[in-house]
Protein backbone atom coordinates (compact mmCIF):
# COMPACT_ATOMS: atom_id res chain seq x y z
CA UNK A 1 -13.50 -17.63 -24.17
CA UNK A 2 -10.19 -16.13 -23.06
CA UNK A 3 -9.77 -14.63 -19.59
CA UNK A 4 -9.25 -11.18 -21.09
CA UNK A 5 -12.53 -11.26 -22.99
CA UNK A 6 -14.31 -12.58 -19.89
CA UNK A 7 -12.92 -9.73 -17.74
CA UNK A 8 -13.94 -7.18 -20.37
CA UNK A 9 -17.49 -8.58 -20.46
CA UNK A 10 -17.71 -8.54 -16.66
CA UNK A 11 -16.52 -4.91 -16.56
CA UNK A 12 -19.16 -3.92 -19.12
CA UNK A 13 -21.86 -5.80 -17.22
CA UNK A 14 -20.76 -4.11 -13.99
CA UNK A 15 -21.01 -0.70 -15.66
CA UNK A 16 -24.46 -1.52 -17.02
CA UNK A 17 -25.56 -2.65 -13.57
CA UNK A 18 -24.38 0.59 -11.95
CA UNK A 19 -26.05 2.68 -14.65
CA UNK A 20 -29.31 0.78 -14.09
CA UNK A 21 -29.01 1.31 -10.32
CA UNK A 22 -28.43 5.02 -10.85
CA UNK A 23 -31.46 5.16 -13.13
CA UNK A 24 -33.62 3.54 -10.46
CA UNK A 25 -32.26 6.00 -7.90
CA UNK A 26 -33.17 8.90 -10.21
CA UNK A 27 -36.73 7.58 -10.55
CA UNK A 28 -36.99 7.32 -6.78
CA UNK A 29 -35.62 10.84 -6.22
CA UNK A 30 -38.29 12.34 -8.49
CA UNK A 31 -40.98 11.13 -6.13
CA UNK A 32 -42.16 13.31 -3.23
CA UNK A 33 -40.14 12.95 -0.07
CA UNK A 34 -41.66 10.72 2.64
CA UNK A 35 -43.37 12.65 5.41
CA UNK A 36 -40.86 11.32 7.98
CA UNK A 37 -37.94 13.12 6.31
CA UNK A 38 -39.71 15.86 4.34
CA UNK A 39 -38.50 18.50 6.79
CA UNK A 40 -34.82 17.65 6.25
CA UNK A 41 -34.57 19.63 3.00
CA UNK A 42 -36.27 22.81 1.94
CA UNK A 43 -37.79 22.43 -1.58
CA UNK A 44 -35.17 24.70 -3.19
CA UNK A 45 -32.33 22.99 -1.41
CA UNK A 46 -33.59 19.55 -2.38
CA UNK A 47 -33.72 20.61 -6.03
CA UNK A 48 -30.12 21.77 -5.75
CA UNK A 49 -29.26 18.33 -4.41
CA UNK A 50 -30.97 16.71 -7.41
CA UNK A 51 -29.01 18.95 -9.79
CA UNK A 52 -25.80 18.04 -7.99
CA UNK A 53 -26.47 14.31 -8.28
CA UNK A 54 -27.30 14.75 -11.99
CA UNK A 55 -23.91 16.41 -12.59
CA UNK A 56 -22.21 13.67 -10.61
CA UNK A 57 -23.95 11.04 -12.72
CA UNK A 58 -22.51 12.51 -15.93
CA UNK A 59 -19.12 12.73 -14.28
CA UNK A 60 -19.35 9.09 -13.17
CA UNK A 61 -20.20 7.90 -16.69
CA UNK A 62 -17.20 9.66 -18.23
CA UNK A 63 -14.91 8.34 -15.51
CA UNK A 64 -16.21 4.76 -15.80
CA UNK A 65 -15.98 4.64 -19.59
CA UNK A 66 -12.43 6.01 -19.56
CA UNK A 67 -11.45 3.50 -16.88
CA UNK A 68 -12.80 0.59 -18.96
CA UNK A 69 -10.94 1.84 -22.05
CA UNK A 70 -7.64 2.02 -20.16
CA UNK A 71 -8.17 -1.36 -18.49
CA UNK A 72 -9.09 -3.01 -21.79
CA UNK A 73 -6.02 -1.57 -23.47
CA UNK A 74 -3.87 -3.05 -20.71
CA UNK A 75 -5.52 -6.46 -20.85
CA UNK A 76 -4.98 -6.79 -24.60
CA UNK A 77 -1.43 -5.42 -24.53
CA UNK A 78 1.75 -7.47 -23.96
CA UNK A 79 2.38 -5.75 -20.62
CA UNK A 80 1.66 -8.89 -18.56
CA UNK A 81 4.12 -10.91 -20.63
CA UNK A 82 6.75 -8.26 -20.00
CA UNK A 83 6.01 -8.30 -16.26
CA UNK A 84 6.28 -12.09 -16.11
CA UNK A 85 9.58 -11.95 -17.95
CA UNK A 86 10.92 -9.26 -15.61
CA UNK A 87 9.84 -11.25 -12.54
CA UNK A 88 11.41 -14.46 -13.78
CA UNK A 89 8.22 -16.41 -13.12
CA UNK A 90 8.15 -15.55 -9.39
CA UNK A 91 4.46 -15.38 -8.40
CA UNK A 92 5.02 -12.86 -5.61
CA UNK A 93 7.10 -10.51 -7.74
CA UNK A 94 4.63 -10.81 -10.63
CA UNK A 95 1.81 -9.77 -8.34
CA UNK A 96 3.77 -6.86 -6.83
CA UNK A 97 4.75 -5.48 -10.24
CA UNK A 98 1.19 -5.87 -11.55
CA UNK A 99 -0.22 -4.22 -8.43
CA UNK A 100 2.24 -1.36 -8.77
CA UNK A 101 1.33 -0.81 -12.42
CA UNK A 102 -2.41 -0.78 -11.79
CA UNK A 103 -2.01 1.31 -8.61
CA UNK A 104 -0.07 4.02 -10.44
CA UNK A 105 -2.63 4.16 -13.26
CA UNK A 106 -5.57 4.07 -10.84
CA UNK A 107 -4.03 6.72 -8.57
CA UNK A 108 -3.41 9.10 -11.47
CA UNK A 109 -6.92 8.55 -12.85
CA UNK A 110 -8.63 8.86 -9.46
CA UNK A 111 -6.63 11.93 -8.47
CA UNK A 112 -7.40 13.79 -11.69
CA UNK A 113 -11.13 13.00 -11.52
CA UNK A 114 -11.35 13.63 -7.77
CA UNK A 115 -9.66 16.98 -8.26
CA UNK A 116 -12.23 17.93 -10.91
CA UNK A 117 -15.08 16.65 -8.74
CA UNK A 118 -13.85 18.55 -5.69
CA UNK A 119 -12.76 21.85 -7.22
CA UNK A 120 -15.23 22.05 -10.09
CA UNK A 121 -18.50 20.25 -9.34
CA UNK A 122 -18.52 20.67 -5.55
CA UNK A 123 -17.25 24.27 -5.85
CA UNK A 124 -20.12 25.00 -8.25
CA UNK A 125 -22.63 24.02 -5.56
CA UNK A 126 -20.75 25.61 -2.67
CA UNK A 127 -19.95 22.25 -1.07
CA UNK A 128 -16.17 22.23 -1.08
CA UNK A 129 -13.99 23.84 1.56
CA UNK A 130 -10.84 21.81 0.94
CA UNK A 131 -7.65 23.47 -0.18
CA UNK A 132 -4.97 21.80 -2.26
CA UNK A 133 -3.01 20.69 0.81
CA UNK A 134 -6.00 18.98 2.41
CA UNK A 135 -6.90 17.32 -0.88
CA UNK A 136 -3.37 15.93 -1.33
CA UNK A 137 -3.29 14.67 2.26
CA UNK A 138 -6.52 12.70 1.80
CA UNK A 139 -5.36 11.39 -1.59
CA UNK A 140 -2.06 10.14 -0.16
CA UNK A 141 -3.78 8.45 2.81
CA UNK A 142 -6.30 6.72 0.54
CA UNK A 143 -3.68 5.61 -2.00
CA UNK A 144 -1.22 4.26 0.57
CA UNK A 145 -3.97 2.48 2.51
CA UNK A 146 -5.36 0.87 -0.64
CA UNK A 147 -1.90 -0.19 -1.81
CA UNK A 148 -1.03 -1.77 1.56
CA UNK A 149 -4.32 -3.65 1.85
CA UNK A 150 -4.27 -4.88 -1.74
CA UNK A 151 -0.64 -5.88 -1.33
CA UNK A 152 -1.45 -7.88 1.80
CA UNK A 153 -4.42 -9.58 0.12
CA UNK A 154 -2.37 -10.37 -2.96
CA UNK A 155 0.44 -11.92 -0.94
CA UNK A 156 -2.07 -14.13 0.86
CA UNK A 157 -3.63 -15.26 -2.43
CA UNK A 158 -0.23 -15.85 -4.01
CA UNK A 159 0.85 -17.88 -0.99
CA UNK A 160 -2.18 -20.15 -1.17
CA UNK A 161 -1.86 -20.42 -4.94
CA UNK A 162 1.74 -21.55 -4.58
CA UNK A 163 1.24 -23.98 -1.70
CA UNK A 164 -2.22 -25.49 -2.24
CA UNK A 165 -1.05 -27.92 -4.93
CA UNK A 166 1.72 -29.10 -2.59
CA UNK A 167 -0.64 -29.46 0.38
CA UNK A 168 -3.23 -31.36 -1.64
CA UNK A 169 -0.69 -33.62 -3.28
CA UNK A 170 -0.92 -35.53 -6.56
CA UNK A 171 -3.50 -37.97 -5.19
CA UNK A 172 -5.88 -35.30 -3.91
CA UNK A 173 -6.75 -34.44 -0.33
CA UNK A 174 -8.90 -36.65 1.84
CA UNK A 175 -11.81 -35.27 3.84
CA UNK A 176 -9.87 -34.56 7.08
CA UNK A 177 -7.06 -32.84 5.21
CA UNK A 178 -9.44 -30.87 3.00
CA UNK A 179 -11.40 -29.79 6.07
CA UNK A 180 -8.22 -28.63 7.79
CA UNK A 181 -7.08 -26.67 4.72
CA UNK A 182 -10.53 -25.07 4.44
CA UNK A 183 -10.45 -24.05 8.10
CA UNK A 184 -6.99 -22.53 7.67
CA UNK A 185 -8.13 -20.51 4.65
CA UNK A 186 -11.28 -19.40 6.49
CA UNK A 187 -9.25 -18.35 9.55
CA UNK A 188 -6.77 -16.37 7.43
CA UNK A 189 -9.63 -14.72 5.54
CA UNK A 190 -11.40 -13.77 8.79
CA UNK A 191 -8.17 -12.36 10.22
CA UNK A 192 -7.64 -10.29 7.08
CA UNK A 193 -11.19 -8.90 7.24
CA UNK A 194 -10.69 -7.91 10.87
CA UNK A 195 -7.38 -6.28 9.97
CA UNK A 196 -9.03 -4.28 7.17
CA UNK A 197 -11.78 -3.08 9.51
CA UNK A 198 -9.32 -2.01 12.19
CA UNK A 199 -7.02 -0.27 9.71
CA UNK A 200 -9.98 1.54 8.12
CA UNK A 201 -11.12 2.66 11.55
CA UNK A 202 -7.65 3.97 12.42
CA UNK A 203 -7.42 5.78 9.08
CA UNK A 204 -10.69 7.57 9.83
CA UNK A 205 -9.32 8.51 13.24
CA UNK A 206 -6.36 10.10 11.45
CA UNK A 207 -8.59 12.07 9.10
CA UNK A 208 -11.28 13.10 11.59
CA UNK A 209 -11.77 13.77 15.27
CA UNK A 210 -14.89 11.99 16.53
CA UNK A 211 -16.85 13.14 19.57
CA UNK A 212 -20.05 11.65 21.07
CA UNK A 213 -23.32 13.23 19.95
CA UNK A 214 -24.79 15.08 22.90
CA UNK A 215 -28.28 14.48 24.21
CA UNK A 216 -30.83 16.63 22.42
CA UNK A 217 -33.50 16.77 19.71
CA UNK A 218 -31.20 15.39 16.98
CA UNK A 219 -30.17 12.34 19.00
CA UNK A 220 -33.76 11.72 20.06
CA UNK A 221 -34.97 11.85 16.46
CA UNK A 222 -32.26 9.42 15.31
CA UNK A 223 -33.22 6.99 18.07
CA UNK A 224 -36.89 7.27 17.09
CA UNK A 225 -36.13 6.54 13.43
CA UNK A 226 -34.43 3.25 14.30
CA UNK A 227 -37.23 1.99 16.52
CA UNK A 228 -38.26 -1.49 15.41
CA UNK A 229 -35.09 -2.04 13.36
CA UNK A 230 -33.35 -5.41 13.76
CA UNK A 231 -29.94 -3.76 14.01
CA UNK A 232 -29.68 -0.92 16.48
CA UNK A 233 -27.12 1.89 16.37
CA UNK A 234 -25.10 1.62 19.56
CA UNK A 235 -22.81 4.65 19.36
CA UNK A 236 -23.43 7.98 17.61
CA UNK A 237 -20.38 10.17 17.05
CA UNK A 238 -19.97 13.41 15.15
CA UNK A 239 -16.95 14.88 13.39
CA UNK A 240 -16.07 18.32 12.10
CA UNK A 241 -16.40 18.39 8.33
CA UNK A 242 -16.34 22.18 8.10
CA UNK A 243 -12.74 22.29 6.84
CA UNK A 244 -13.53 20.02 3.91
CA UNK A 245 -17.15 20.48 2.92
CA UNK A 246 -20.38 22.31 3.66
CA UNK A 247 -22.51 19.23 3.03
CA UNK A 248 -23.83 16.95 5.76
CA UNK A 249 -22.34 13.46 5.93
CA UNK A 250 -23.43 10.36 7.77
CA UNK A 251 -22.43 6.71 7.63
CA UNK A 252 -22.67 3.49 9.58
CA UNK A 253 -19.56 1.70 10.79
CA UNK A 254 -19.38 -1.74 12.32
CA UNK A 255 -16.27 -2.50 14.37
CA UNK A 256 -15.44 -4.98 17.08
CA UNK A 257 -15.86 -3.03 20.31
């Protein structure tokens, strides 16, 4: 089986997995809300939420299928041969040109679909408060951040791909040498993960202004909900989403602090 066919099969399996997960989520959403959170949504508002997720599901399917079609067309085209010829066989340049190609295609696709999602679906349900300027700002930040992180990861992988055969040598690596190489790769990987977390945290600080959640009924209820959990929430911050959306947003973030 060629690598292209294998990648196509994996993409199709990934899509099937996500569709199955969405189906399970739909089944769960049709059940009555648990008593602990039943007061979060009014019945009419919860039905609106279900309608919104149903529209998003259709939107996701169209987007995913189109993405697979474009990716498959690229994989079975001579574009990679052209890139290799342009780069003269240089692994780093091949990666950069490939990353640039996929980034441009992905950015165009994501921007078009995000625009429709923001100014059509979210507008329909009164969720969007972004204007075109705010949308473009977020799109640029996301695209540049993704390109930088993927570029850094690719350079690391290309470096190891180029040097591992030299480090191992024609006779193979003994246990001490193999252990040392493994530790180096693990250390570089850990450093990259920490870098990604810190950059992501700084990017959020650029997009939002976080302030501590004051003492009150909301904080008390959150603390009660996590009683008995193995992992406890240490810091609860809030940010002003009113310029971008009317929906409530919450997420967990783990950083080294």
